[in-house]
PDB file of N, CA and C in Angstrom:
ATOM      1  N   MET A   1      51.195  27.474 -77.612  1.00  0.00           N
ATOM      2  CA  MET A   1      50.961  27.879 -79.665  1.00  0.00           C
ATOM      3  C   MET A   1      49.946  27.043 -80.367  1.00  0.00           C
ATOM      4  N   GLU A   2      48.561  27.058 -80.233  1.00  0.00           N
ATOM      5  CA  GLU A   2      47.984  26.355 -80.877  1.00  0.00           C
ATOM      6  C   GLU A   2      47.529  26.724 -82.661  1.00  0.00           C
ATOM      7  N   ILE A   3      48.108  26.109 -83.060  1.00  0.00           N
ATOM      8  CA  ILE A   3      48.654  26.553 -84.848  1.00  0.00           C
ATOM      9  C   ILE A   3      47.096  25.662 -85.340  1.00  0.00           C
ATOM     10  N   VAL A   4      46.177  26.021 -85.596  1.00  0.00           N
ATOM     11  CA  VAL A   4      44.834  24.848 -86.941  1.00  0.00           C
ATOM     12  C   VAL A   4      45.161  25.500 -88.638  1.00  0.00           C
ATOM     13  N   VAL A   5      45.297  24.404 -89.148  1.00  0.00           N
ATOM     14  CA  VAL A   5      45.748  24.089 -90.647  1.00  0.00           C
ATOM     15  C   VAL A   5      43.921  24.210 -91.021  1.00  0.00           C
ATOM     16  N   VAL A   6      44.175  24.842 -92.202  1.00  0.00           N
ATOM     17  CA  VAL A   6      43.093  24.929 -92.936  1.00  0.00           C
ATOM     18  C   VAL A   6      43.409  24.353 -94.208  1.00  0.00           C
ATOM     19  N   GLY A   7      42.979  22.935 -94.692  1.00  0.00           N
ATOM     20  CA  GLY A   7      42.834  22.621 -95.442  1.00  0.00           C
ATOM     21  C   GLY A   7      44.701  21.833 -95.166  1.00  0.00           C
ATOM     22  N   CYS A   8      44.034  21.031 -95.343  1.00  0.00           N
ATOM     23  CA  CYS A   8      45.552  19.434 -94.651  1.00  0.00           C
ATOM     24  C   CYS A   8      45.297  18.273 -96.337  1.00  0.00           C
ATOM     25  N   LYS A   9      44.522  18.704 -97.219  1.00  0.00           N
ATOM     26  CA  LYS A   9      45.428  17.475 -98.240  1.00  0.00           C
ATOM     27  C   LYS A   9      46.498  18.387 -99.778  1.00  0.00           C
ATOM     28  N   GLY A  10      47.411  18.143-100.320  1.00  0.00           N
ATOM     29  CA  GLY A  10      47.787  18.368-101.093  1.00  0.00           C
ATOM     30  C   GLY A  10      49.583  18.786-100.118  1.00  0.00           C
ATOM     31  N   PHE A  11      48.696  20.300-100.541  1.00  0.00           N
ATOM     32  CA  PHE A  11      50.267  21.137 -99.588  1.00  0.00           C
ATOM     33  C   PHE A  11      49.672  21.666 -98.358  1.00  0.00           C
ATOM     34  N   GLY A  12      48.866  21.153 -98.017  1.00  0.00           N
ATOM     35  CA  GLY A  12      48.681  21.640 -96.256  1.00  0.00           C
ATOM     36  C   GLY A  12      49.410  20.021 -95.815  1.00  0.00           C
ATOM     37  N   ARG A  13      49.309  19.006 -96.601  1.00  0.00           N
ATOM     38  CA  ARG A  13      50.454  18.121 -95.378  1.00  0.00           C
ATOM     39  C   ARG A  13      51.575  18.602 -95.614  1.00  0.00           C
ATOM     40  N   VAL A  14      52.117  19.478 -96.384  1.00  0.00           N
ATOM     41  CA  VAL A  14      53.352  19.697 -96.219  1.00  0.00           C
ATOM     42  C   VAL A  14      53.800  21.025 -94.694  1.00  0.00           C
ATOM     43  N   HIS A  15      52.589  21.466 -94.549  1.00  0.00           N
ATOM     44  CA  HIS A  15      53.047  22.037 -93.084  1.00  0.00           C
ATOM     45  C   HIS A  15      52.508  21.836 -92.529  1.00  0.00           C
ATOM     46  N   LEU A  16      51.454  20.950 -92.375  1.00  0.00           N
ATOM     47  CA  LEU A  16      51.494  20.128 -90.969  1.00  0.00           C
ATOM     48  C   LEU A  16      52.648  19.411 -90.905  1.00  0.00           C
ATOM     49  N   GLU A  17      53.407  18.704 -91.719  1.00  0.00           N
ATOM     50  CA  GLU A  17      54.982  18.066 -91.571  1.00  0.00           C
ATOM     51  C   GLU A  17      56.077  19.228 -90.704  1.00  0.00           C
ATOM     52  N   SER A  18      55.718  20.521 -91.525  1.00  0.00           N
ATOM     53  CA  SER A  18      56.518  21.401 -90.840  1.00  0.00           C
ATOM     54  C   SER A  18      56.835  21.757 -89.537  1.00  0.00           C
ATOM     55  N   ILE A  19      55.253  20.995 -89.166  1.00  0.00           N
ATOM     56  CA  ILE A  19      55.008  22.426 -88.165  1.00  0.00           C
ATOM     57  C   ILE A  19      54.727  20.797 -87.056  1.00  0.00           C
ATOM     58  N   LYS A  20      55.149  19.606 -87.531  1.00  0.00           N
ATOM     59  CA  LYS A  20      54.629  18.312 -86.196  1.00  0.00           C
ATOM     60  C   LYS A  20      55.278  17.877 -85.376  1.00  0.00           C
ATOM     61  N   GLY A  21      54.732  18.164 -84.056  1.00  0.00           N
ATOM     62  CA  GLY A  21      54.930  17.868 -82.942  1.00  0.00           C
ATOM     63  C   GLY A  21      54.433  19.275 -82.453  1.00  0.00           C
ATOM     64  N   MET A  22      53.999  20.073 -82.882  1.00  0.00           N
ATOM     65  CA  MET A  22      53.520  21.278 -82.082  1.00  0.00           C
ATOM     66  C   MET A  22      52.419  20.914 -81.934  1.00  0.00           C
ATOM     67  N   ASP A  23      51.437  21.725 -81.251  1.00  0.00           N
ATOM     68  CA  ASP A  23      49.989  22.238 -80.705  1.00  0.00           C
ATOM     69  C   ASP A  23      49.392  22.156 -82.428  1.00  0.00           C
ATOM     70  N   ILE A  24      48.706  21.018 -82.779  1.00  0.00           N
ATOM     71  CA  ILE A  24      48.276  20.920 -84.198  1.00  0.00           C
ATOM     72  C   ILE A  24      47.205  21.182 -84.230  1.00  0.00           C
ATOM     73  N   SER A  25      45.496  21.705 -84.588  1.00  0.00           N
ATOM     74  CA  SER A  25      44.513  21.239 -85.056  1.00  0.00           C
ATOM     75  C   SER A  25      44.324  21.454 -85.912  1.00  0.00           C
ATOM     76  N   ILE A  26      43.267  20.999 -86.809  1.00  0.00           N
ATOM     77  CA  ILE A  26      42.826  21.359 -88.166  1.00  0.00           C
ATOM     78  C   ILE A  26      41.451  21.599 -88.493  1.00  0.00           C
ATOM     79  N   VAL A  27      41.699  21.797 -89.456  1.00  0.00           N
ATOM     80  CA  VAL A  27      39.785  22.453 -90.235  1.00  0.00           C
ATOM     81  C   VAL A  27      40.025  21.306 -91.824  1.00  0.00           C
ATOM     82  N   GLU A  28      39.695  20.316 -91.793  1.00  0.00           N
ATOM     83  CA  GLU A  28      38.958  19.179 -93.277  1.00  0.00           C
ATOM     84  C   GLU A  28      37.676  18.639 -92.586  1.00  0.00           C
ATOM     85  N   ARG A  29      37.080  18.603 -93.836  1.00  0.00           N
ATOM     86  CA  ARG A  29      36.032  18.260 -93.618  1.00  0.00           C
ATOM     87  C   ARG A  29      35.925  16.594 -94.169  1.00  0.00           C
ATOM     88  N   ASP A  30      36.882  16.155 -95.105  1.00  0.00           N
ATOM     89  CA  ASP A  30      37.195  14.975 -95.271  1.00  0.00           C
ATOM     90  C   ASP A  30      37.215  13.604 -94.516  1.00  0.00           C
ATOM     91  N   ALA A  31      36.883  12.870 -94.257  1.00  0.00           N
ATOM     92  CA  ALA A  31      36.427  12.174 -92.857  1.00  0.00           C
ATOM     93  C   ALA A  31      38.280  11.431 -93.290  1.00  0.00           C
ATOM     94  N   GLU A  32      38.465  11.292 -94.456  1.00  0.00           N
ATOM     95  CA  GLU A  32      39.867   9.702 -94.881  1.00  0.00           C
ATOM     96  C   GLU A  32      41.149  11.065 -93.960  1.00  0.00           C
ATOM     97  N   THR A  33      40.960  12.037 -95.310  1.00  0.00           N
ATOM     98  CA  THR A  33      41.884  12.829 -94.507  1.00  0.00           C
ATOM     99  C   THR A  33      41.878  12.945 -93.157  1.00  0.00           C
ATOM    100  N   VAL A  34      41.384  13.559 -92.274  1.00  0.00           N
ATOM    101  CA  VAL A  34      41.241  13.370 -90.880  1.00  0.00           C
ATOM    102  C   VAL A  34      41.545  12.879 -90.384  1.00  0.00           C
ATOM    103  N   LYS A  35      41.967  10.845 -91.209  1.00  0.00           N
ATOM    104  CA  LYS A  35      41.891  10.660 -90.703  1.00  0.00           C
ATOM    105  C   LYS A  35      43.426   9.831 -90.691  1.00  0.00           C
ATOM    106  N   TYR A  36      43.796   9.878 -91.757  1.00  0.00           N
ATOM    107  CA  TYR A  36      45.403  10.638 -92.063  1.00  0.00           C
ATOM    108  C   TYR A  36      46.145  11.215 -91.426  1.00  0.00           C
ATOM    109  N   CYS A  37      45.221  12.395 -90.863  1.00  0.00           N
ATOM    110  CA  CYS A  37      46.024  13.179 -90.366  1.00  0.00           C
ATOM    111  C   CYS A  37      46.205  12.919 -88.548  1.00  0.00           C
ATOM    112  N   GLU A  38      45.582  12.274 -88.296  1.00  0.00           N
ATOM    113  CA  GLU A  38      45.400  12.553 -87.132  1.00  0.00           C
ATOM    114  C   GLU A  38      46.112  11.181 -86.786  1.00  0.00           C
ATOM    115  N   GLU A  39      46.146   9.964 -87.552  1.00  0.00           N
ATOM    116  CA  GLU A  39      47.567   9.000 -87.537  1.00  0.00           C
ATOM    117  C   GLU A  39      48.961   9.265 -87.962  1.00  0.00           C
ATOM    118  N   ASN A  40      48.548  10.968 -88.485  1.00  0.00           N
ATOM    119  CA  ASN A  40      50.632  10.572 -88.584  1.00  0.00           C
ATOM    120  C   ASN A  40      51.168  12.515 -87.872  1.00  0.00           C
ATOM    121  N   PHE A  41      49.948  12.764 -87.662  1.00  0.00           N
ATOM    122  CA  PHE A  41      49.871  14.599 -87.332  1.00  0.00           C
ATOM    123  C   PHE A  41      50.112  14.460 -85.981  1.00  0.00           C
ATOM    124  N   GLN A  42      49.523  13.408 -84.856  1.00  0.00           N
ATOM    125  CA  GLN A  42      49.000  14.378 -83.582  1.00  0.00           C
ATOM    126  C   GLN A  42      48.599  15.386 -83.451  1.00  0.00           C
ATOM    127  N   ILE A  43      47.049  15.618 -83.750  1.00  0.00           N
ATOM    128  CA  ILE A  43      45.863  16.352 -84.116  1.00  0.00           C
ATOM    129  C   ILE A  43      45.380  16.728 -82.915  1.00  0.00           C
ATOM    130  N   ARG A  44      45.295  17.247 -82.004  1.00  0.00           N
ATOM    131  CA  ARG A  44      44.581  18.171 -81.110  1.00  0.00           C
ATOM    132  C   ARG A  44      42.899  18.346 -81.331  1.00  0.00           C
ATOM    133  N   LYS A  45      42.888  18.525 -82.399  1.00  0.00           N
ATOM    134  CA  LYS A  45      41.356  18.838 -82.583  1.00  0.00           C
ATOM    135  C   LYS A  45      40.844  18.903 -83.671  1.00  0.00           C
ATOM    136  N   ALA A  46      39.776  17.658 -84.985  1.00  0.00           N
ATOM    137  CA  ALA A  46      39.747  18.381 -86.185  1.00  0.00           C
ATOM    138  C   ALA A  46      38.710  19.191 -86.493  1.00  0.00           C
ATOM    139  N   TYR A  47      38.087  20.214 -86.501  1.00  0.00           N
ATOM    140  CA  TYR A  47      36.994  20.633 -86.675  1.00  0.00           C
ATOM    141  C   TYR A  47      36.514  20.398 -88.441  1.00  0.00           C
ATOM    142  N   ASP A  48      35.276  20.901 -88.342  1.00  0.00           N
ATOM    143  CA  ASP A  48      34.358  20.101 -89.606  1.00  0.00           C
ATOM    144  C   ASP A  48      34.261  21.651 -90.740  1.00  0.00           C
ATOM    145  N   ASN A  49      34.700  22.581 -89.436  1.00  0.00           N
ATOM    146  CA  ASN A  49      34.261  24.469 -90.185  1.00  0.00           C
ATOM    147  C   ASN A  49      35.738  25.421 -89.693  1.00  0.00           C
ATOM    148  N   ILE A  50      35.195  26.151 -89.754  1.00  0.00           N
ATOM    149  CA  ILE A  50      35.983  27.529 -89.693  1.00  0.00           C
ATOM    150  C   ILE A  50      35.982  28.052 -88.545  1.00  0.00           C
ATOM    151  N   ASP A  51      34.600  27.767 -88.523  1.00  0.00           N
ATOM    152  CA  ASP A  51      34.227  29.338 -87.727  1.00  0.00           C
ATOM    153  C   ASP A  51      34.352  28.215 -86.103  1.00  0.00           C
ATOM    154  N   ASP A  52      34.262  26.893 -85.637  1.00  0.00           N
ATOM    155  CA  ASP A  52      34.172  26.098 -84.742  1.00  0.00           C
ATOM    156  C   ASP A  52      36.122  26.583 -84.202  1.00  0.00           C
ATOM    157  N   ALA A  53      36.216  26.527 -85.354  1.00  0.00           N
ATOM    158  CA  ALA A  53      38.627  26.566 -85.311  1.00  0.00           C
ATOM    159  C   ALA A  53      38.785  28.841 -84.845  1.00  0.00           C
ATOM    160  N   LEU A  54      37.411  29.230 -85.219  1.00  0.00           N
ATOM    161  CA  LEU A  54      38.373  30.945 -84.731  1.00  0.00           C
ATOM    162  C   LEU A  54      37.529  31.316 -83.188  1.00  0.00           C
ATOM    163  N   ARG A  55      36.116  29.601 -83.174  1.00  0.00           N
ATOM    164  CA  ARG A  55      35.607  30.236 -81.114  1.00  0.00           C
ATOM    165  C   ARG A  55      36.990  29.581 -80.608  1.00  0.00           C
ATOM    166  N   SER A  56      37.681  28.446 -80.619  1.00  0.00           N
ATOM    167  CA  SER A  56      38.826  28.204 -80.537  1.00  0.00           C
ATOM    168  C   SER A  56      40.144  29.053 -79.690  1.00  0.00           C
ATOM    169  N   SER A  57      40.254  28.191 -78.658  1.00  0.00           N
ATOM    170  CA  SER A  57      42.142  29.210 -77.999  1.00  0.00           C
ATOM    171  C   SER A  57      42.576  29.479 -78.912  1.00  0.00           C
ATOM    172  N   ALA A  58      42.943  28.616 -79.975  1.00  0.00           N
ATOM    173  CA  ALA A  58      43.920  28.969 -81.395  1.00  0.00           C
ATOM    174  C   ALA A  58      44.690  30.003 -81.161  1.00  0.00           C
ATOM    175  N   ASP A  59      46.040  29.947 -81.811  1.00  0.00           N
ATOM    176  CA  ASP A  59      46.668  31.460 -81.130  1.00  0.00           C
ATOM    177  C   ASP A  59      46.694  31.495 -82.874  1.00  0.00           C
ATOM    178  N   THR A  60      46.520  30.575 -84.011  1.00  0.00           N
ATOM    179  CA  THR A  60      47.723  30.853 -85.354  1.00  0.00           C
ATOM    180  C   THR A  60      46.092  30.228 -86.429  1.00  0.00           C
ATOM    181  N   ILE A  61      45.516  30.523 -87.388  1.00  0.00           N
ATOM    182  CA  ILE A  61      45.566  29.892 -88.647  1.00  0.00           C
ATOM    183  C   ILE A  61      46.402  30.132 -89.801  1.00  0.00           C
ATOM    184  N   ASP A  62      46.887  28.574 -89.962  1.00  0.00           N
ATOM    185  CA  ASP A  62      47.435  28.470 -90.957  1.00  0.00           C
ATOM    186  C   ASP A  62      46.066  28.244 -91.940  1.00  0.00           C
ATOM    187  N   LEU A  63      46.380  29.104 -93.347  1.00  0.00           N
ATOM    188  CA  LEU A  63      45.518  28.621 -94.559  1.00  0.00           C
ATOM    189  C   LEU A  63      46.078  28.352 -95.951  1.00  0.00           C
ATOM    190  N   VAL A  64      45.931  26.824 -96.432  1.00  0.00           N
ATOM    191  CA  VAL A  64      46.241  26.322 -96.809  1.00  0.00           C
ATOM    192  C   VAL A  64      45.149  26.180 -97.975  1.00  0.00           C
ATOM    193  N   VAL A  65      44.683  27.395 -98.213  1.00  0.00           N
ATOM    194  CA  VAL A  65      42.913  26.834 -99.478  1.00  0.00           C
ATOM    195  C   VAL A  65      42.794  27.547-100.414  1.00  0.00           C
ATOM    196  N   PRO A  66      42.378  27.634-101.172  1.00  0.00           N
ATOM    197  CA  PRO A  66      42.114  27.642-102.801  1.00  0.00           C
ATOM    198  C   PRO A  66      42.013  29.305-102.881  1.00  0.00           C
ATOM    199  N   HIS A  67      42.775  29.736-103.546  1.00  0.00           N
ATOM    200  CA  HIS A  67      43.126  31.838-103.713  1.00  0.00           C
ATOM    201  C   HIS A  67      42.061  32.347-103.298  1.00  0.00           C
ATOM    202  N   ASN A  68      40.901  31.941-104.247  1.00  0.00           N
ATOM    203  CA  ASN A  68      40.104  32.933-104.725  1.00  0.00           C
ATOM    204  C   ASN A  68      39.058  33.247-102.349  1.00  0.00           C
ATOM    205  N   VAL A  69      39.683  32.927-101.946  1.00  0.00           N
ATOM    206  CA  VAL A  69      38.729  32.233-101.153  1.00  0.00           C
ATOM    207  C   VAL A  69      39.891  32.922 -99.543  1.00  0.00           C
ATOM    208  N   HIS A  70      41.165  33.305 -99.960  1.00  0.00           N
ATOM    209  CA  HIS A  70      42.327  33.792 -99.547  1.00  0.00           C
ATOM    210  C   HIS A  70      41.666  35.202 -98.606  1.00  0.00           C
ATOM    211  N   ARG A  71      40.877  35.866 -99.070  1.00  0.00           N
ATOM    212  CA  ARG A  71      40.874  37.308 -98.421  1.00  0.00           C
ATOM    213  C   ARG A  71      39.810  37.331 -97.750  1.00  0.00           C
ATOM    214  N   ASP A  72      38.576  36.627 -97.834  1.00  0.00           N
ATOM    215  CA  ASP A  72      37.603  36.129 -97.136  1.00  0.00           C
ATOM    216  C   ASP A  72      38.119  35.477 -95.688  1.00  0.00           C
ATOM    217  N   LEU A  73      38.412  34.855 -95.258  1.00  0.00           N
ATOM    218  CA  LEU A  73      39.337  33.825 -94.826  1.00  0.00           C
ATOM    219  C   LEU A  73      40.452  34.101 -93.998  1.00  0.00           C
ATOM    220  N   ALA A  74      40.953  34.803 -94.773  1.00  0.00           N
ATOM    221  CA  ALA A  74      42.335  35.566 -93.625  1.00  0.00           C
ATOM    222  C   ALA A  74      41.407  37.098 -92.575  1.00  0.00           C
ATOM    223  N   ILE A  75      40.661  37.373 -93.476  1.00  0.00           N
ATOM    224  CA  ILE A  75      40.111  38.497 -92.606  1.00  0.00           C
ATOM    225  C   ILE A  75      39.006  37.828 -91.936  1.00  0.00           C
ATOM    226  N   LYS A  76      38.524  37.433 -91.807  1.00  0.00           N
ATOM    227  CA  LYS A  76      37.515  36.671 -91.027  1.00  0.00           C
ATOM    228  C   LYS A  76      38.195  35.995 -89.980  1.00  0.00           C
ATOM    229  N   SER A  77      39.350  35.453 -89.727  1.00  0.00           N
ATOM    230  CA  SER A  77      40.565  35.072 -88.834  1.00  0.00           C
ATOM    231  C   SER A  77      41.321  36.236 -88.195  1.00  0.00           C
ATOM    232  N   MET A  78      41.323  37.084 -88.678  1.00  0.00           N
ATOM    233  CA  MET A  78      42.375  37.893 -88.387  1.00  0.00           C
ATOM    234  C   MET A  78      40.519  39.284 -87.476  1.00  0.00           C
ATOM    235  N   ARG A  79      39.988  39.146 -87.652  1.00  0.00           N
ATOM    236  CA  ARG A  79      38.512  40.241 -87.030  1.00  0.00           C
ATOM    237  C   ARG A  79      38.524  38.773 -85.683  1.00  0.00           C
ATOM    238  N   ALA A  80      38.124  38.350 -85.955  1.00  0.00           N
ATOM    239  CA  ALA A  80      38.498  36.605 -84.639  1.00  0.00           C
ATOM    240  C   ALA A  80      39.765  36.598 -83.764  1.00  0.00           C
ATOM    241  N   GLY A  81      40.647  37.601 -83.740  1.00  0.00           N
ATOM    242  CA  GLY A  81      42.511  37.941 -83.178  1.00  0.00           C
ATOM    243  C   GLY A  81      43.113  36.347 -83.443  1.00  0.00           C
ATOM    244  N   LYS A  82      43.270  36.055 -84.661  1.00  0.00           N
ATOM    245  CA  LYS A  82      44.230  35.076 -85.422  1.00  0.00           C
ATOM    246  C   LYS A  82      45.129  35.718 -85.448  1.00  0.00           C
ATOM    247  N   HIS A  83      46.114  35.157 -85.494  1.00  0.00           N
ATOM    248  CA  HIS A  83      47.469  35.429 -85.913  1.00  0.00           C
ATOM    249  C   HIS A  83      47.587  34.446 -87.053  1.00  0.00           C
ATOM    250  N   VAL A  84      48.013  34.577 -88.277  1.00  0.00           N
ATOM    251  CA  VAL A  84      47.548  34.166 -89.651  1.00  0.00           C
ATOM    252  C   VAL A  84      48.936  33.894 -90.956  1.00  0.00           C
ATOM    253  N   LEU A  85      48.967  32.690 -91.044  1.00  0.00           N
ATOM    254  CA  LEU A  85      49.874  32.291 -91.600  1.00  0.00           C
ATOM    255  C   LEU A  85      48.978  32.025 -93.312  1.00  0.00           C
ATOM    256  N   LEU A  86      49.604  32.074 -94.336  1.00  0.00           N
ATOM    257  CA  LEU A  86      48.893  32.069 -95.741  1.00  0.00           C
ATOM    258  C   LEU A  86      49.247  31.550 -97.057  1.00  0.00           C
ATOM    259  N   GLU A  87      49.440  30.289 -97.284  1.00  0.00           N
ATOM    260  CA  GLU A  87      49.650  30.277 -98.907  1.00  0.00           C
ATOM    261  C   GLU A  87      49.840  31.241 -99.375  1.00  0.00           C
ATOM    262  N   LYS A  88      51.412  31.030-100.217  1.00  0.00           N
ATOM    263  CA  LYS A  88      51.329  32.132-101.849  1.00  0.00           C
ATOM    264  C   LYS A  88      50.010  31.515-102.545  1.00  0.00           C
ATOM    265  N   PRO A  89      49.399  32.626-103.536  1.00  0.00           N
ATOM    266  CA  PRO A  89      49.809  33.924-103.575  1.00  0.00           C
ATOM    267  C   PRO A  89      48.942  34.631-102.614  1.00  0.00           C
ATOM    268  N   ILE A  90      49.012  36.048-101.953  1.00  0.00           N
ATOM    269  CA  ILE A  90      48.464  36.375-101.157  1.00  0.00           C
ATOM    270  C   ILE A  90      47.417  36.412-101.656  1.00  0.00           C
ATOM    271  N   ALA A  91      46.666  36.663-103.091  1.00  0.00           N
ATOM    272  CA  ALA A  91      45.186  37.375-103.011  1.00  0.00           C
ATOM    273  C   ALA A  91      45.540  37.186-104.789  1.00  0.00           C
ATOM    274  N   THR A  92      44.133  36.859-105.589  1.00  0.00           N
ATOM    275  CA  THR A  92      43.941  36.976-106.490  1.00  0.00           C
ATOM    276  C   THR A  92      43.867  38.411-107.193  1.00  0.00           C
ATOM    277  N   SER A  93      44.018  39.144-106.234  1.00  0.00           N
ATOM    278  CA  SER A  93      43.866  41.320-106.979  1.00  0.00           C
ATOM    279  C   SER A  93      44.811  41.653-105.984  1.00  0.00           C
ATOM    280  N   MET A  94      44.939  42.682-106.834  1.00  0.00           N
ATOM    281  CA  MET A  94      45.519  43.643-105.013  1.00  0.00           C
ATOM    282  C   MET A  94      44.876  44.611-104.122  1.00  0.00           C
ATOM    283  N   GLU A  95      43.699  44.258-104.257  1.00  0.00           N
ATOM    284  CA  GLU A  95      42.676  44.764-104.460  1.00  0.00           C
ATOM    285  C   GLU A  95      42.654  44.041-103.373  1.00  0.00           C
ATOM    286  N   ASP A  96      42.298  42.841-103.415  1.00  0.00           N
ATOM    287  CA  ASP A  96      42.004  41.573-102.126  1.00  0.00           C
ATOM    288  C   ASP A  96      43.031  41.829-100.480  1.00  0.00           C
ATOM    289  N   ALA A  97      44.783  42.029-101.682  1.00  0.00           N
ATOM    290  CA  ALA A  97      46.026  41.929-100.926  1.00  0.00           C
ATOM    291  C   ALA A  97      46.137  43.013-100.089  1.00  0.00           C
ATOM    292  N   LYS A  98      45.890  44.059-100.464  1.00  0.00           N
ATOM    293  CA  LYS A  98      45.446  45.369 -99.591  1.00  0.00           C
ATOM    294  C   LYS A  98      44.775  45.174 -98.381  1.00  0.00           C
ATOM    295  N   ALA A  99      43.228  44.604 -98.946  1.00  0.00           N
ATOM    296  CA  ALA A  99      42.492  45.219 -97.667  1.00  0.00           C
ATOM    297  C   ALA A  99      42.581  43.803 -96.583  1.00  0.00           C
ATOM    298  N   ILE A 100      43.890  42.457 -97.220  1.00  0.00           N
ATOM    299  CA  ILE A 100      44.277  41.634 -96.002  1.00  0.00           C
ATOM    300  C   ILE A 100      45.436  42.135 -95.145  1.00  0.00           C
ATOM    301  N   VAL A 101      46.176  42.908 -96.043  1.00  0.00           N
ATOM    302  CA  VAL A 101      47.561  43.389 -95.296  1.00  0.00           C
ATOM    303  C   VAL A 101      46.366  44.598 -94.270  1.00  0.00           C
ATOM    304  N   LYS A 102      45.318  45.105 -94.559  1.00  0.00           N
ATOM    305  CA  LYS A 102      44.930  46.309 -93.970  1.00  0.00           C
ATOM    306  C   LYS A 102      44.041  46.209 -92.998  1.00  0.00           C
ATOM    307  N   ALA A 103      43.989  44.934 -92.773  1.00  0.00           N
ATOM    308  CA  ALA A 103      42.924  43.893 -91.854  1.00  0.00           C
ATOM    309  C   ALA A 103      44.167  43.509 -90.611  1.00  0.00           C
ATOM    310  N   SER A 104      44.831  43.164 -90.910  1.00  0.00           N
ATOM    311  CA  SER A 104      45.797  42.803 -90.139  1.00  0.00           C
ATOM    312  C   SER A 104      46.441  43.890 -89.616  1.00  0.00           C
ATOM    313  N   ILE A 105      46.919  45.473 -90.271  1.00  0.00           N
ATOM    314  CA  ILE A 105      46.803  46.388 -89.210  1.00  0.00           C
ATOM    315  C   ILE A 105      46.259  47.045 -88.700  1.00  0.00           C
ATOM    316  N   ASP A 106      44.920  46.689 -88.840  1.00  0.00           N
ATOM    317  CA  ASP A 106      43.897  47.306 -87.998  1.00  0.00           C
ATOM    318  C   ASP A 106      43.284  46.422 -86.942  1.00  0.00           C
ATOM    319  N   ASN A 107      43.418  45.044 -87.308  1.00  0.00           N
ATOM    320  CA  ASN A 107      43.319  44.072 -85.795  1.00  0.00           C
ATOM    321  C   ASN A 107      44.684  44.146 -84.718  1.00  0.00           C
ATOM    322  N   LYS A 108      45.418  44.510 -85.417  1.00  0.00           N
ATOM    323  CA  LYS A 108      46.920  44.260 -84.830  1.00  0.00           C
ATOM    324  C   LYS A 108      47.381  42.795 -84.751  1.00  0.00           C
ATOM    325  N   ILE A 109      47.518  41.838 -85.845  1.00  0.00           N
ATOM    326  CA  ILE A 109      47.572  40.849 -86.051  1.00  0.00           C
ATOM    327  C   ILE A 109      48.946  40.455 -86.728  1.00  0.00           C
ATOM    328  N   LYS A 110      49.422  39.566 -86.412  1.00  0.00           N
ATOM    329  CA  LYS A 110      50.745  38.909 -86.884  1.00  0.00           C
ATOM    330  C   LYS A 110      50.409  38.428 -88.417  1.00  0.00           C
ATOM    331  N   PHE A 111      50.674  38.673 -89.351  1.00  0.00           N
ATOM    332  CA  PHE A 111      50.177  37.906 -90.256  1.00  0.00           C
ATOM    333  C   PHE A 111      51.627  37.535 -91.695  1.00  0.00           C
ATOM    334  N   MET A 112      52.067  36.570 -92.173  1.00  0.00           N
ATOM    335  CA  MET A 112      53.042  36.227 -92.976  1.00  0.00           C
ATOM    336  C   MET A 112      52.222  35.025 -94.593  1.00  0.00           C
ATOM    337  N   VAL A 113      53.197  35.709 -95.519  1.00  0.00           N
ATOM    338  CA  VAL A 113      52.486  34.751 -96.795  1.00  0.00           C
ATOM    339  C   VAL A 113      53.947  33.811 -96.773  1.00  0.00           C
ATOM    340  N   ALA A 114      53.137  32.481 -97.064  1.00  0.00           N
ATOM    341  CA  ALA A 114      54.690  31.310 -96.575  1.00  0.00           C
ATOM    342  C   ALA A 114      55.088  31.422 -98.184  1.00  0.00           C
ATOM    343  N   GLU A 115      56.672  32.296 -98.456  1.00  0.00           N
ATOM    344  CA  GLU A 115      56.886  32.785 -99.314  1.00  0.00           C
ATOM    345  C   GLU A 115      58.726  31.458 -98.710  1.00  0.00           C
ATOM    346  N   GLN A 116      58.589  30.317 -99.506  1.00  0.00           N
ATOM    347  CA  GLN A 116      59.513  29.381 -99.555  1.00  0.00           C
ATOM    348  C   GLN A 116      61.346  30.026 -99.599  1.00  0.00           C
ATOM    349  N   TYR A 117      60.965  30.887-100.178  1.00  0.00           N
ATOM    350  CA  TYR A 117      62.721  31.932-100.755  1.00  0.00           C
ATOM    351  C   TYR A 117      63.028  32.642 -99.901  1.00  0.00           C
ATOM    352  N   PHE A 118      61.640  33.293 -98.890  1.00  0.00           N
ATOM    353  CA  PHE A 118      62.174  34.153 -97.824  1.00  0.00           C
ATOM    354  C   PHE A 118      63.508  33.755 -97.047  1.00  0.00           C
ATOM    355  N   PHE A 119      63.050  32.622 -97.107  1.00  0.00           N
ATOM    356  CA  PHE A 119      64.663  31.556 -95.746  1.00  0.00           C
ATOM    357  C   PHE A 119      65.479  30.992 -96.753  1.00  0.00           C
ATOM    358  N   ASP A 120      65.225  31.098 -97.973  1.00  0.00           N
ATOM    359  CA  ASP A 120      66.516  30.790 -98.269  1.00  0.00           C
ATOM    360  C   ASP A 120      68.130  31.147 -98.622  1.00  0.00           C
ATOM    361  N   PRO A 121      68.951  30.747 -97.981  1.00  0.00           N
ATOM    362  CA  PRO A 121      69.928  31.316 -98.060  1.00  0.00           C
ATOM    363  C   PRO A 121      70.649  31.332 -99.711  1.00  0.00           C
ATOM    364  N   SER A 122      70.366  30.115-100.767  1.00  0.00           N
ATOM    365  CA  SER A 122      70.828  30.615-101.844  1.00  0.00           C
ATOM    366  C   SER A 122      70.055  32.088-102.649  1.00  0.00           C
ATOM    367  N   TYR A 123      68.656  32.154-101.552  1.00  0.00           N
ATOM    368  CA  TYR A 123      68.031  32.980-103.619  1.00  0.00           C
ATOM    369  C   TYR A 123      68.550  34.269-102.480  1.00  0.00           C
ATOM    370  N   ASN A 124      68.907  34.679-101.164  1.00  0.00           N
ATOM    371  CA  ASN A 124      69.234  35.764 -99.916  1.00  0.00           C
ATOM    372  C   ASN A 124      70.895  36.602-101.246  1.00  0.00           C
TER     373      ASN A 124
END
């Protein structure tokens, strides 16, 4: 299963660390960040735009991007047939959140918001 991590600075590196050893590609425009990721995470392919990644054979898109683009990128990914993991918060408005969930249902795509407390036994 190929996972494409979109956004590899800051918290994107936490995502990369958590899936280290899997079949990982990235979308990143900053050359220094691409180099760092290739040196530390066995990157299969580095894309400089999401459209190329969406045309790939990847199964899942992991969006670690600014909140104001969550809706557009999540829906675009789902329409391309990619499962989506989205860093929290899901969106900047309830309208956008509902649109993302609807796109997941309409396109029969698995969708998850990365919420660390979901799996934390002490929280449950």
